[in-house]
Amino acid sequence: MSMEEGIRRKRRAINEGAAATCSLVCARDVLRSSQSVHLPSRLTPMSTTAFGADGDISKALAIIAPAANTEEKRSAVVRVLLKDGFVIVRQETRVITKDVAMKLCAGTSWVASTLVGSACLIAVAASNAAQSLESTKAAQGWSSGDIVVSPADHASAQLSVLFPRMSVDAIPSNAEAREFVNGHLKTLLVKGLTLAAKQKPSNAVQFFAEFLMENNPRRPPVAV
């Protein structure tokens, strides 16, 4: 195997590991919110920055302003985001009030008046999500009057305003973290999330917690 091929395989493994870790976190948010999650159809190691080798996996926000919020625009934006390797954690059209728009714009260059009305909210996850989202916006030439994306230092606060139950904490994507998740958590979490998705319990969080307790491989033996 050539050196170039070895580098490509290593990058591919890094990308797939990051995507798997992120998918687990996104699945948790789906259980909390009963919303669907959009995963990229495939990740190509050299064509995207959304799941690079460096940087924590975080979330950021893109808003299609009311003036540009058409079905055609929404579909086009989602296609680009998935192509660039983002995981779309939440997507919904919602009426943004003046008060909410003011909270979203606090400390940013966003113009509150352009957000008031029926806007499309898209929460995404990726390595250094805010920076990656800004890079995609610049590459696509999206107008700030049509689409705004979270500044890196405001992404968590903006997501909390719109989705108060969503976890906005970044998760590490370095090799040590991925090795720990893959070795100690991944199999059990995927099994539990799959079972929850099939059975659709009324209290998904309690169901999942009980599943983890019952299937904990390090659970102390019960004395008879």
N, C-alpha and C. Protein backbone atom coordinates (compact mmCIF):
# COMPACT_ATOMS: atom_id res chain seq x y z
N MET A 1 0.85 -1.20 0.00
CA MET A 1 0.00 0.00 0.00
C MET A 1 0.88 1.24 0.00
N SER A 2 0.57 2.17 -0.89
CA SER A 2 1.38 3.38 -1.00
C SER A 2 1.13 4.30 0.19
N MET A 3 2.05 5.26 0.38
CA MET A 3 1.90 6.23 1.46
C MET A 3 0.64 7.06 1.28
N GLU A 4 0.35 7.46 0.02
CA GLU A 4 -0.85 8.26 -0.25
C GLU A 4 -2.11 7.50 0.13
N GLU A 5 -2.15 6.20 -0.21
CA GLU A 5 -3.32 5.40 0.12
C GLU A 5 -3.46 5.25 1.64
N GLY A 6 -2.34 5.10 2.33
CA GLY A 6 -2.38 5.00 3.79
C GLY A 6 -2.93 6.25 4.42
N ILE A 7 -2.54 7.42 3.91
CA ILE A 7 -3.05 8.70 4.43
C ILE A 7 -4.55 8.81 4.17
N ARG A 8 -4.98 8.41 2.97
CA ARG A 8 -6.41 8.49 2.65
C ARG A 8 -7.22 7.60 3.58
N ARG A 9 -6.72 6.38 3.85
CA ARG A 9 -7.45 5.46 4.74
C ARG A 9 -7.52 6.01 6.16
N LYS A 10 -6.45 6.63 6.61
CA LYS A 10 -6.43 7.19 7.96
C LYS A 10 -7.44 8.32 8.07
N ARG A 11 -7.47 9.20 7.06
CA ARG A 11 -8.42 10.31 7.09
C ARG A 11 -9.86 9.80 7.03
N ARG A 12 -10.06 8.74 6.23
CA ARG A 12 -11.40 8.17 6.14
C ARG A 12 -11.85 7.62 7.49
N ALA A 13 -10.95 6.96 8.20
CA ALA A 13 -11.29 6.40 9.51
C ALA A 13 -11.61 7.50 10.51
N ILE A 14 -10.84 8.59 10.45
CA ILE A 14 -11.08 9.72 11.35
C ILE A 14 -12.45 10.31 11.10
N ASN A 15 -12.78 10.53 9.83
CA ASN A 15 -14.08 11.11 9.48
C ASN A 15 -15.23 10.23 9.93
N GLU A 16 -15.12 8.91 9.67
CA GLU A 16 -16.19 8.00 10.02
C GLU A 16 -16.36 7.90 11.52
N GLY A 17 -15.24 7.94 12.26
CA GLY A 17 -15.33 7.90 13.72
C GLY A 17 -16.02 9.13 14.26
N ALA A 18 -15.68 10.30 13.73
CA ALA A 18 -16.32 11.53 14.17
C ALA A 18 -17.80 11.52 13.85
N ALA A 19 -18.15 11.05 12.68
CA ALA A 19 -19.56 11.01 12.28
C ALA A 19 -20.35 10.07 13.17
N ALA A 20 -19.75 8.92 13.52
CA ALA A 20 -20.45 7.97 14.38
C ALA A 20 -20.70 8.57 15.75
N THR A 21 -19.69 9.24 16.30
CA THR A 21 -19.86 9.87 17.61
C THR A 21 -20.94 10.92 17.56
N CYS A 22 -20.93 11.74 16.55
CA CYS A 22 -21.93 12.80 16.40
C CYS A 22 -23.32 12.20 16.23
N SER A 23 -23.44 11.12 15.49
CA SER A 23 -24.75 10.52 15.25
C SER A 23 -25.38 10.04 16.55
N LEU A 24 -24.56 9.52 17.48
CA LEU A 24 -25.09 9.10 18.77
C LEU A 24 -25.67 10.28 19.53
N VAL A 25 -24.95 11.40 19.53
CA VAL A 25 -25.44 12.59 20.23
C VAL A 25 -26.71 13.11 19.56
N CYS A 26 -26.73 13.13 18.24
CA CYS A 26 -27.91 13.60 17.53
C CYS A 26 -29.10 12.69 17.80
N ALA A 27 -28.85 11.39 17.89
CA ALA A 27 -29.94 10.47 18.17
C ALA A 27 -30.55 10.75 19.54
N ARG A 28 -29.71 11.11 20.50
CA ARG A 28 -30.22 11.48 21.82
C ARG A 28 -31.14 12.69 21.72
N ASP A 29 -30.76 13.67 20.94
CA ASP A 29 -31.61 14.86 20.77
C ASP A 29 -32.91 14.51 20.06
N VAL A 30 -32.85 13.55 19.14
CA VAL A 30 -34.07 13.14 18.45
C VAL A 30 -35.05 12.52 19.44
N LEU A 31 -34.54 11.67 20.35
CA LEU A 31 -35.41 11.07 21.35
C LEU A 31 -36.05 12.13 22.23
N ARG A 32 -35.30 13.18 22.54
CA ARG A 32 -35.83 14.24 23.37
C ARG A 32 -36.91 15.05 22.66
N SER A 33 -36.72 15.26 21.37
CA SER A 33 -37.57 16.21 20.66
C SER A 33 -38.61 15.57 19.75
N SER A 34 -38.53 14.25 19.53
CA SER A 34 -39.42 13.55 18.60
C SER A 34 -39.33 14.12 17.19
N GLN A 35 -38.15 14.67 16.82
CA GLN A 35 -37.93 15.20 15.48
C GLN A 35 -37.03 14.25 14.71
N SER A 36 -37.12 14.32 13.38
CA SER A 36 -36.26 13.48 12.56
C SER A 36 -34.90 14.12 12.41
N VAL A 37 -33.90 13.29 12.16
CA VAL A 37 -32.54 13.79 11.95
C VAL A 37 -32.10 13.40 10.56
N HIS A 38 -31.43 14.32 9.88
CA HIS A 38 -30.95 14.08 8.52
C HIS A 38 -29.45 13.83 8.56
N LEU A 39 -29.04 12.65 8.13
CA LEU A 39 -27.62 12.30 8.09
C LEU A 39 -27.12 12.40 6.66
N PRO A 40 -25.85 12.82 6.50
CA PRO A 40 -25.30 12.85 5.15
C PRO A 40 -25.27 11.46 4.57
N SER A 41 -25.55 11.35 3.27
CA SER A 41 -25.59 10.04 2.63
C SER A 41 -24.23 9.37 2.65
N ARG A 42 -23.19 10.16 2.60
CA ARG A 42 -21.84 9.60 2.69
C ARG A 42 -20.88 10.73 3.05
N LEU A 43 -19.75 10.35 3.60
CA LEU A 43 -18.72 11.33 3.94
C LEU A 43 -17.47 11.02 3.14
N THR A 44 -16.99 11.98 2.39
CA THR A 44 -15.77 11.78 1.62
C THR A 44 -14.64 12.49 2.32
N PRO A 45 -13.54 11.81 2.62
CA PRO A 45 -12.48 12.37 3.44
C PRO A 45 -11.92 13.69 2.97
N MET A 46 -11.83 13.91 1.66
CA MET A 46 -11.12 15.09 1.18
C MET A 46 -12.05 16.21 0.73
N SER A 47 -13.38 15.94 0.60
CA SER A 47 -14.25 16.93 -0.03
C SER A 47 -14.98 17.83 0.95
N THR A 48 -14.97 17.54 2.25
CA THR A 48 -15.71 18.37 3.19
C THR A 48 -14.84 18.75 4.37
N THR A 49 -15.28 19.81 5.08
CA THR A 49 -14.61 20.21 6.31
C THR A 49 -15.48 19.94 7.51
N ALA A 50 -16.72 19.49 7.31
CA ALA A 50 -17.65 19.36 8.42
C ALA A 50 -17.19 18.35 9.45
N PHE A 51 -16.54 17.26 9.03
CA PHE A 51 -16.02 16.28 9.97
C PHE A 51 -14.53 16.08 9.74
N GLY A 52 -13.79 17.11 10.03
CA GLY A 52 -12.35 17.05 9.86
C GLY A 52 -11.69 16.32 11.01
N ALA A 53 -10.39 16.20 10.93
CA ALA A 53 -9.64 15.46 11.95
C ALA A 53 -9.55 16.24 13.25
N ASP A 54 -9.64 17.56 13.19
CA ASP A 54 -9.43 18.38 14.38
C ASP A 54 -10.72 19.08 14.77
N GLY A 55 -10.79 19.45 16.05
CA GLY A 55 -11.92 20.24 16.52
C GLY A 55 -13.01 19.40 17.15
N ASP A 56 -13.67 19.96 18.16
CA ASP A 56 -14.77 19.28 18.81
C ASP A 56 -15.99 19.26 17.90
N ILE A 57 -16.85 18.26 18.10
CA ILE A 57 -18.11 18.21 17.39
C ILE A 57 -19.09 19.10 18.13
N SER A 58 -19.58 20.12 17.46
CA SER A 58 -20.46 21.09 18.08
C SER A 58 -21.67 21.32 17.19
N LYS A 59 -22.56 22.21 17.63
CA LYS A 59 -23.76 22.51 16.87
C LYS A 59 -23.81 23.99 16.55
N ALA A 60 -24.48 24.31 15.47
CA ALA A 60 -24.63 25.70 15.07
C ALA A 60 -25.99 25.86 14.39
N LEU A 61 -26.32 27.10 14.10
CA LEU A 61 -27.65 27.41 13.60
C LEU A 61 -27.59 28.16 12.28
N ALA A 62 -28.44 27.76 11.37
CA ALA A 62 -28.66 28.51 10.13
C ALA A 62 -30.13 28.88 10.06
N ILE A 63 -30.42 30.10 9.68
CA ILE A 63 -31.80 30.55 9.55
C ILE A 63 -32.02 31.09 8.14
N ILE A 64 -33.03 30.53 7.47
CA ILE A 64 -33.46 31.10 6.20
C ILE A 64 -34.50 32.16 6.54
N ALA A 65 -34.19 33.40 6.24
CA ALA A 65 -35.05 34.52 6.61
C ALA A 65 -36.42 34.41 5.95
N PRO A 66 -37.44 35.00 6.58
CA PRO A 66 -38.79 34.93 6.03
C PRO A 66 -38.89 35.35 4.56
N ALA A 67 -38.14 36.35 4.16
CA ALA A 67 -38.22 36.84 2.78
C ALA A 67 -37.72 35.81 1.77
N ALA A 68 -36.90 34.87 2.22
CA ALA A 68 -36.33 33.87 1.31
C ALA A 68 -36.82 32.45 1.61
N ASN A 69 -37.73 32.32 2.57
CA ASN A 69 -38.14 31.00 3.04
C ASN A 69 -39.17 30.36 2.12
N THR A 70 -38.66 29.77 1.05
CA THR A 70 -39.51 29.03 0.12
C THR A 70 -39.12 27.56 0.15
N GLU A 71 -40.01 26.71 -0.34
CA GLU A 71 -39.71 25.28 -0.38
C GLU A 71 -38.47 25.00 -1.23
N GLU A 72 -38.35 25.71 -2.33
CA GLU A 72 -37.19 25.53 -3.21
C GLU A 72 -35.90 25.92 -2.50
N LYS A 73 -35.93 27.02 -1.76
CA LYS A 73 -34.74 27.48 -1.05
C LYS A 73 -34.38 26.51 0.07
N ARG A 74 -35.36 26.05 0.80
CA ARG A 74 -35.09 25.10 1.89
C ARG A 74 -34.45 23.82 1.35
N SER A 75 -35.01 23.29 0.27
CA SER A 75 -34.47 22.06 -0.31
C SER A 75 -33.04 22.26 -0.79
N ALA A 76 -32.78 23.40 -1.41
CA ALA A 76 -31.44 23.67 -1.92
C ALA A 76 -30.42 23.77 -0.79
N VAL A 77 -30.79 24.46 0.28
CA VAL A 77 -29.88 24.63 1.42
C VAL A 77 -29.60 23.29 2.08
N VAL A 78 -30.63 22.49 2.30
CA VAL A 78 -30.45 21.18 2.93
C VAL A 78 -29.55 20.29 2.08
N ARG A 79 -29.74 20.31 0.76
CA ARG A 79 -28.88 19.50 -0.12
C ARG A 79 -27.42 19.89 0.03
N VAL A 80 -27.16 21.18 0.09
CA VAL A 80 -25.77 21.64 0.24
C VAL A 80 -25.19 21.20 1.58
N LEU A 81 -25.96 21.36 2.64
CA LEU A 81 -25.46 21.00 3.97
C LEU A 81 -25.16 19.51 4.07
N LEU A 82 -26.04 18.69 3.55
CA LEU A 82 -25.79 17.24 3.58
C LEU A 82 -24.60 16.88 2.70
N LYS A 83 -24.48 17.52 1.56
CA LYS A 83 -23.35 17.26 0.67
C LYS A 83 -22.03 17.61 1.36
N ASP A 84 -22.05 18.68 2.16
CA ASP A 84 -20.83 19.10 2.85
C ASP A 84 -20.60 18.32 4.15
N GLY A 85 -21.43 17.33 4.42
CA GLY A 85 -21.17 16.43 5.53
C GLY A 85 -21.78 16.81 6.86
N PHE A 86 -22.61 17.86 6.90
CA PHE A 86 -23.26 18.23 8.15
C PHE A 86 -24.35 17.22 8.51
N VAL A 87 -24.57 17.05 9.81
CA VAL A 87 -25.73 16.33 10.30
C VAL A 87 -26.78 17.37 10.66
N ILE A 88 -27.97 17.26 10.09
CA ILE A 88 -29.04 18.21 10.41
C ILE A 88 -29.82 17.64 11.59
N VAL A 89 -29.63 18.26 12.74
CA VAL A 89 -30.23 17.77 13.97
C VAL A 89 -31.71 18.16 14.05
N ARG A 90 -32.02 19.39 13.69
CA ARG A 90 -33.41 19.87 13.69
C ARG A 90 -33.62 20.77 12.49
N GLN A 91 -34.81 20.67 11.91
CA GLN A 91 -35.20 21.58 10.84
C GLN A 91 -36.69 21.82 10.97
N GLU A 92 -37.08 23.07 11.09
CA GLU A 92 -38.50 23.37 11.17
C GLU A 92 -38.75 24.82 10.75
N THR A 93 -39.95 25.05 10.28
CA THR A 93 -40.37 26.41 9.96
C THR A 93 -41.18 26.93 11.15
N ARG A 94 -40.81 28.11 11.61
CA ARG A 94 -41.44 28.67 12.80
C ARG A 94 -41.55 30.18 12.66
N VAL A 95 -42.60 30.74 13.25
CA VAL A 95 -42.75 32.18 13.26
C VAL A 95 -41.87 32.77 14.36
N ILE A 96 -40.93 33.63 13.98
CA ILE A 96 -40.05 34.29 14.94
C ILE A 96 -40.65 35.65 15.29
N THR A 97 -40.88 35.85 16.57
CA THR A 97 -41.43 37.13 17.03
C THR A 97 -40.32 38.16 17.16
N LYS A 98 -40.72 39.40 17.35
CA LYS A 98 -39.74 40.48 17.51
C LYS A 98 -38.86 40.24 18.73
N ASP A 99 -39.47 39.79 19.83
CA ASP A 99 -38.70 39.55 21.06
C ASP A 99 -37.65 38.46 20.86
N VAL A 100 -38.05 37.37 20.22
CA VAL A 100 -37.11 36.28 19.96
C VAL A 100 -36.02 36.73 19.01
N ALA A 101 -36.38 37.50 17.99
CA ALA A 101 -35.39 38.00 17.04
C ALA A 101 -34.36 38.88 17.74
N MET A 102 -34.81 39.68 18.68
CA MET A 102 -33.88 40.54 19.43
C MET A 102 -32.92 39.70 20.25
N LYS A 103 -33.40 38.62 20.85
CA LYS A 103 -32.53 37.74 21.64
C LYS A 103 -31.50 37.05 20.73
N LEU A 104 -31.93 36.61 19.56
CA LEU A 104 -31.02 35.95 18.64
C LEU A 104 -29.94 36.89 18.13
N CYS A 105 -30.28 38.15 17.97
CA CYS A 105 -29.36 39.11 17.37
C CYS A 105 -28.45 39.80 18.39
N ALA A 106 -28.71 39.60 19.67
CA ALA A 106 -27.93 40.28 20.71
C ALA A 106 -26.43 39.99 20.55
N GLY A 107 -25.64 41.03 20.41
CA GLY A 107 -24.19 40.90 20.31
C GLY A 107 -23.68 40.46 18.96
N THR A 108 -24.55 40.36 17.96
CA THR A 108 -24.15 39.94 16.62
C THR A 108 -24.42 41.06 15.62
N SER A 109 -24.03 40.81 14.38
CA SER A 109 -24.30 41.78 13.30
C SER A 109 -25.63 41.49 12.62
N TRP A 110 -26.38 40.51 13.12
CA TRP A 110 -27.66 40.18 12.53
C TRP A 110 -28.63 41.35 12.69
N VAL A 111 -29.56 41.49 11.75
CA VAL A 111 -30.58 42.54 11.80
C VAL A 111 -31.90 41.89 12.20
N ALA A 112 -32.40 42.25 13.36
CA ALA A 112 -33.57 41.59 13.94
C ALA A 112 -34.79 41.68 13.02
N SER A 113 -34.98 42.81 12.38
CA SER A 113 -36.18 43.00 11.56
C SER A 113 -36.26 42.02 10.39
N THR A 114 -35.11 41.53 9.92
CA THR A 114 -35.11 40.60 8.79
C THR A 114 -35.51 39.18 9.20
N LEU A 115 -35.53 38.91 10.51
CA LEU A 115 -35.84 37.57 11.01
C LEU A 115 -37.28 37.43 11.47
N VAL A 116 -37.97 38.54 11.65
CA VAL A 116 -39.34 38.49 12.16
C VAL A 116 -40.26 37.94 11.07
N GLY A 117 -41.00 36.88 11.44
CA GLY A 117 -41.89 36.25 10.47
C GLY A 117 -41.65 34.75 10.41
N SER A 118 -42.14 34.11 9.37
CA SER A 118 -42.02 32.67 9.21
C SER A 118 -40.66 32.32 8.61
N ALA A 119 -39.76 31.82 9.45
CA ALA A 119 -38.40 31.50 9.02
C ALA A 119 -38.14 30.00 9.14
N CYS A 120 -37.16 29.53 8.42
CA CYS A 120 -36.75 28.12 8.51
C CYS A 120 -35.53 28.02 9.40
N LEU A 121 -35.64 27.24 10.46
CA LEU A 121 -34.55 27.06 11.42
C LEU A 121 -33.88 25.72 11.15
N ILE A 122 -32.56 25.74 11.02
CA ILE A 122 -31.81 24.51 10.75
C ILE A 122 -30.65 24.42 11.75
N ALA A 123 -30.72 23.44 12.64
CA ALA A 123 -29.62 23.19 13.58
C ALA A 123 -28.76 22.07 13.03
N VAL A 124 -27.46 22.31 12.94
CA VAL A 124 -26.55 21.32 12.36
C VAL A 124 -25.46 20.95 13.36
N ALA A 125 -24.85 19.79 13.13
CA ALA A 125 -23.73 19.34 13.94
C ALA A 125 -22.56 19.01 13.03
N ALA A 126 -21.36 19.34 13.50
CA ALA A 126 -20.14 19.07 12.73
C ALA A 126 -18.95 19.42 13.60
N SER A 127 -17.75 19.09 13.15
CA SER A 127 -16.56 19.57 13.82
C SER A 127 -16.46 21.07 13.63
N ASN A 128 -16.32 21.79 14.76
CA ASN A 128 -16.28 23.26 14.68
C ASN A 128 -17.43 23.76 13.82
N ALA A 129 -18.65 23.42 14.23
CA ALA A 129 -19.82 23.61 13.39
C ALA A 129 -20.00 25.04 12.89
N ALA A 130 -19.84 26.03 13.76
CA ALA A 130 -20.08 27.41 13.36
C ALA A 130 -19.10 27.84 12.26
N GLN A 131 -17.81 27.51 12.45
CA GLN A 131 -16.83 27.88 11.44
C GLN A 131 -17.07 27.14 10.13
N SER A 132 -17.42 25.85 10.24
CA SER A 132 -17.69 25.07 9.03
C SER A 132 -18.91 25.60 8.29
N LEU A 133 -19.93 26.00 9.06
CA LEU A 133 -21.14 26.54 8.45
C LEU A 133 -20.86 27.87 7.75
N GLU A 134 -20.04 28.69 8.37
CA GLU A 134 -19.67 29.97 7.76
C GLU A 134 -18.89 29.74 6.47
N SER A 135 -18.02 28.73 6.47
CA SER A 135 -17.26 28.41 5.25
C SER A 135 -18.18 27.97 4.13
N THR A 136 -19.17 27.15 4.46
CA THR A 136 -20.14 26.71 3.45
C THR A 136 -20.94 27.90 2.92
N LYS A 137 -21.35 28.80 3.80
CA LYS A 137 -22.11 29.98 3.39
C LYS A 137 -21.30 30.83 2.41
N ALA A 138 -20.03 31.04 2.74
CA ALA A 138 -19.17 31.84 1.87
C ALA A 138 -18.95 31.16 0.52
N ALA A 139 -18.73 29.85 0.57
CA ALA A 139 -18.48 29.11 -0.68
C ALA A 139 -19.70 29.12 -1.59
N GLN A 140 -20.90 29.12 -1.00
CA GLN A 140 -22.13 29.10 -1.78
C GLN A 140 -22.58 30.50 -2.20
N GLY A 141 -21.97 31.51 -1.58
CA GLY A 141 -22.37 32.88 -1.90
C GLY A 141 -23.74 33.24 -1.39
N TRP A 142 -24.14 32.62 -0.27
CA TRP A 142 -25.45 32.91 0.30
C TRP A 142 -25.48 34.33 0.86
N SER A 143 -26.49 35.08 0.51
CA SER A 143 -26.64 36.45 0.99
C SER A 143 -27.06 36.46 2.45
N SER A 144 -26.47 37.37 3.23
CA SER A 144 -26.84 37.48 4.65
C SER A 144 -28.27 37.98 4.82
N GLY A 145 -28.82 38.57 3.79
CA GLY A 145 -30.22 38.97 3.85
C GLY A 145 -31.16 37.80 3.71
N ASP A 146 -30.66 36.71 3.12
CA ASP A 146 -31.47 35.51 2.92
C ASP A 146 -31.20 34.44 3.97
N ILE A 147 -29.92 34.24 4.28
CA ILE A 147 -29.51 33.19 5.21
C ILE A 147 -28.48 33.74 6.18
N VAL A 148 -28.71 33.53 7.47
CA VAL A 148 -27.72 33.90 8.48
C VAL A 148 -27.26 32.64 9.18
N VAL A 149 -26.00 32.62 9.59
CA VAL A 149 -25.45 31.47 10.32
C VAL A 149 -24.83 31.95 11.62
N SER A 150 -24.80 31.08 12.60
CA SER A 150 -24.33 31.45 13.93
C SER A 150 -22.88 31.89 13.94
N PRO A 151 -22.58 33.02 14.58
CA PRO A 151 -21.18 33.32 14.90
C PRO A 151 -20.71 32.28 15.93
N ALA A 152 -19.45 31.92 15.87
CA ALA A 152 -18.94 30.85 16.73
C ALA A 152 -19.21 31.09 18.22
N ASP A 153 -19.09 32.35 18.65
CA ASP A 153 -19.25 32.64 20.08
C ASP A 153 -20.70 32.87 20.49
N HIS A 154 -21.64 32.70 19.57
CA HIS A 154 -23.06 32.89 19.90
C HIS A 154 -23.91 31.66 19.56
N ALA A 155 -23.32 30.64 18.96
CA ALA A 155 -24.09 29.50 18.48
C ALA A 155 -24.86 28.81 19.59
N SER A 156 -24.20 28.51 20.70
CA SER A 156 -24.86 27.80 21.80
C SER A 156 -26.02 28.60 22.36
N ALA A 157 -25.80 29.91 22.57
CA ALA A 157 -26.85 30.76 23.13
C ALA A 157 -28.04 30.84 22.19
N GLN A 158 -27.79 30.97 20.89
CA GLN A 158 -28.88 31.08 19.93
C GLN A 158 -29.68 29.78 19.85
N LEU A 159 -28.99 28.65 19.86
CA LEU A 159 -29.68 27.37 19.85
C LEU A 159 -30.53 27.19 21.10
N SER A 160 -30.02 27.64 22.24
CA SER A 160 -30.76 27.52 23.50
C SER A 160 -32.03 28.37 23.49
N VAL A 161 -31.98 29.50 22.81
CA VAL A 161 -33.17 30.35 22.70
C VAL A 161 -34.27 29.64 21.92
N LEU A 162 -33.90 29.00 20.83
CA LEU A 162 -34.88 28.37 19.95
C LEU A 162 -35.23 26.94 20.35
N PHE A 163 -34.24 26.21 20.87
CA PHE A 163 -34.45 24.81 21.25
C PHE A 163 -33.95 24.59 22.68
N PRO A 164 -34.71 25.02 23.67
CA PRO A 164 -34.23 24.98 25.06
C PRO A 164 -33.92 23.58 25.59
N ARG A 165 -34.49 22.55 24.98
CA ARG A 165 -34.24 21.18 25.47
C ARG A 165 -33.06 20.51 24.75
N MET A 166 -32.51 21.17 23.77
CA MET A 166 -31.41 20.59 23.00
C MET A 166 -30.09 20.75 23.76
N SER A 167 -29.31 19.67 23.80
CA SER A 167 -27.97 19.76 24.37
C SER A 167 -27.06 20.51 23.40
N VAL A 168 -26.42 21.56 23.88
CA VAL A 168 -25.57 22.37 23.01
C VAL A 168 -24.09 22.22 23.35
N ASP A 169 -23.77 21.35 24.29
CA ASP A 169 -22.38 21.15 24.68
C ASP A 169 -21.62 20.44 23.57
N ALA A 170 -20.42 20.91 23.29
CA ALA A 170 -19.56 20.26 22.30
C ALA A 170 -19.01 18.97 22.88
N ILE A 171 -18.74 18.00 22.01
CA ILE A 171 -18.13 16.76 22.45
C ILE A 171 -16.78 16.60 21.75
N PRO A 172 -15.78 16.10 22.45
CA PRO A 172 -14.45 15.99 21.84
C PRO A 172 -14.44 14.98 20.71
N SER A 173 -13.68 15.29 19.66
CA SER A 173 -13.61 14.39 18.51
C SER A 173 -12.20 13.85 18.30
N ASN A 174 -11.35 13.99 19.31
CA ASN A 174 -9.99 13.48 19.14
C ASN A 174 -9.97 11.96 19.21
N ALA A 175 -8.86 11.38 18.85
CA ALA A 175 -8.75 9.92 18.75
C ALA A 175 -9.01 9.24 20.08
N GLU A 176 -8.52 9.82 21.18
CA GLU A 176 -8.71 9.20 22.48
C GLU A 176 -10.19 9.13 22.85
N ALA A 177 -10.91 10.22 22.59
CA ALA A 177 -12.34 10.26 22.90
C ALA A 177 -13.10 9.24 22.06
N ARG A 178 -12.77 9.16 20.76
CA ARG A 178 -13.46 8.21 19.89
C ARG A 178 -13.17 6.78 20.32
N GLU A 179 -11.93 6.52 20.71
CA GLU A 179 -11.57 5.17 21.15
C GLU A 179 -12.35 4.78 22.40
N PHE A 180 -12.53 5.75 23.32
CA PHE A 180 -13.28 5.47 24.54
C PHE A 180 -14.74 5.18 24.21
N VAL A 181 -15.35 6.02 23.37
CA VAL A 181 -16.76 5.83 23.01
C VAL A 181 -16.96 4.50 22.28
N ASN A 182 -16.10 4.22 21.32
CA ASN A 182 -16.23 2.98 20.56
C ASN A 182 -16.02 1.75 21.43
N GLY A 183 -15.09 1.85 22.39
CA GLY A 183 -14.76 0.69 23.22
C GLY A 183 -15.72 0.45 24.37
N HIS A 184 -16.32 1.51 24.91
CA HIS A 184 -17.11 1.37 26.13
C HIS A 184 -18.59 1.71 25.97
N LEU A 185 -18.96 2.47 24.96
CA LEU A 185 -20.33 2.97 24.90
C LEU A 185 -21.09 2.65 23.62
N LYS A 186 -20.40 2.69 22.50
CA LYS A 186 -21.08 2.68 21.20
C LYS A 186 -22.04 1.50 21.04
N THR A 187 -21.58 0.28 21.28
CA THR A 187 -22.41 -0.90 21.05
C THR A 187 -23.69 -0.86 21.87
N LEU A 188 -23.55 -0.54 23.15
CA LEU A 188 -24.71 -0.50 24.04
C LEU A 188 -25.65 0.64 23.68
N LEU A 189 -25.09 1.81 23.37
CA LEU A 189 -25.94 2.96 23.04
C LEU A 189 -26.71 2.72 21.74
N VAL A 190 -26.04 2.21 20.73
CA VAL A 190 -26.71 1.95 19.46
C VAL A 190 -27.82 0.92 19.65
N LYS A 191 -27.54 -0.11 20.42
CA LYS A 191 -28.55 -1.15 20.67
C LYS A 191 -29.76 -0.56 21.39
N GLY A 192 -29.51 0.27 22.40
CA GLY A 192 -30.60 0.87 23.16
C GLY A 192 -31.41 1.85 22.33
N LEU A 193 -30.73 2.68 21.54
CA LEU A 193 -31.42 3.65 20.69
C LEU A 193 -32.24 2.95 19.61
N THR A 194 -31.70 1.88 19.07
CA THR A 194 -32.44 1.12 18.06
C THR A 194 -33.70 0.50 18.66
N LEU A 195 -33.58 -0.07 19.86
CA LEU A 195 -34.73 -0.67 20.53
C LEU A 195 -35.78 0.38 20.84
N ALA A 196 -35.34 1.56 21.30
CA ALA A 196 -36.28 2.64 21.60
C ALA A 196 -37.00 3.10 20.34
N ALA A 197 -36.27 3.20 19.24
CA ALA A 197 -36.88 3.63 17.98
C ALA A 197 -37.92 2.63 17.50
N LYS A 198 -37.68 1.34 17.74
CA LYS A 198 -38.63 0.31 17.31
C LYS A 198 -39.87 0.28 18.19
N GLN A 199 -39.67 0.38 19.51
CA GLN A 199 -40.79 0.26 20.44
C GLN A 199 -41.53 1.57 20.66
N LYS A 200 -40.85 2.71 20.42
CA LYS A 200 -41.45 4.03 20.58
C LYS A 200 -42.17 4.18 21.92
N PRO A 201 -41.45 4.04 23.03
CA PRO A 201 -42.09 4.17 24.35
C PRO A 201 -42.57 5.59 24.59
N SER A 202 -43.61 5.73 25.44
CA SER A 202 -44.15 7.06 25.73
C SER A 202 -43.14 7.92 26.46
N ASN A 203 -42.33 7.31 27.32
CA ASN A 203 -41.26 8.04 28.01
C ASN A 203 -39.92 7.48 27.54
N ALA A 204 -39.43 8.02 26.44
CA ALA A 204 -38.22 7.48 25.81
C ALA A 204 -37.00 7.60 26.70
N VAL A 205 -36.88 8.71 27.44
CA VAL A 205 -35.70 8.91 28.28
C VAL A 205 -35.67 7.87 29.40
N GLN A 206 -36.82 7.65 30.06
CA GLN A 206 -36.87 6.65 31.14
C GLN A 206 -36.62 5.26 30.59
N PHE A 207 -37.19 4.97 29.42
CA PHE A 207 -36.97 3.67 28.78
C PHE A 207 -35.49 3.43 28.53
N PHE A 208 -34.82 4.46 27.99
CA PHE A 208 -33.40 4.33 27.66
C PHE A 208 -32.56 4.20 28.92
N ALA A 209 -32.91 4.96 29.97
CA ALA A 209 -32.16 4.88 31.23
C ALA A 209 -32.28 3.48 31.83
N GLU A 210 -33.50 2.93 31.81
CA GLU A 210 -33.70 1.58 32.36
C GLU A 210 -32.96 0.54 31.53
N PHE A 211 -32.94 0.74 30.21
CA PHE A 211 -32.20 -0.18 29.35
C PHE A 211 -30.71 -0.19 29.71
N LEU A 212 -30.14 0.99 29.92
CA LEU A 212 -28.72 1.08 30.27
C LEU A 212 -28.43 0.43 31.60
N MET A 213 -29.32 0.64 32.57
CA MET A 213 -29.12 0.02 33.89
C MET A 213 -29.19 -1.50 33.80
N GLU A 214 -30.16 -2.01 33.05
CA GLU A 214 -30.34 -3.45 32.96
C GLU A 214 -29.25 -4.14 32.15
N ASN A 215 -28.65 -3.41 31.21
CA ASN A 215 -27.67 -4.02 30.33
C ASN A 215 -26.24 -3.55 30.60
N ASN A 216 -26.05 -2.89 31.71
CA ASN A 216 -24.71 -2.43 32.09
C ASN A 216 -23.80 -3.64 32.31
N PRO A 217 -22.76 -3.79 31.48
CA PRO A 217 -21.89 -4.96 31.63
C PRO A 217 -21.11 -4.96 32.94
N ARG A 218 -21.04 -3.82 33.61
CA ARG A 218 -20.32 -3.75 34.89
C ARG A 218 -21.28 -3.65 36.08
N ARG A 219 -22.53 -4.01 35.85
CA ARG A 219 -23.50 -3.98 36.94
C ARG A 219 -23.11 -5.01 38.00
N PRO A 220 -23.10 -4.63 39.28
CA PRO A 220 -22.73 -5.58 40.34
C PRO A 220 -23.70 -6.76 40.35
N PRO A 221 -23.19 -7.96 40.59
CA PRO A 221 -24.08 -9.13 40.64
C PRO A 221 -25.07 -9.04 41.80
N VAL A 222 -26.25 -9.52 41.57
CA VAL A 222 -27.28 -9.52 42.60
C VAL A 222 -27.17 -10.77 43.45
N ALA A 223 -27.01 -10.57 44.74
CA ALA A 223 -26.86 -11.72 45.64
C ALA A 223 -28.21 -12.44 45.80
N VAL A 224 -28.17 -13.76 45.73
CA VAL A 224 -29.39 -14.57 45.88
C VAL A 224 -29.50 -15.06 47.30
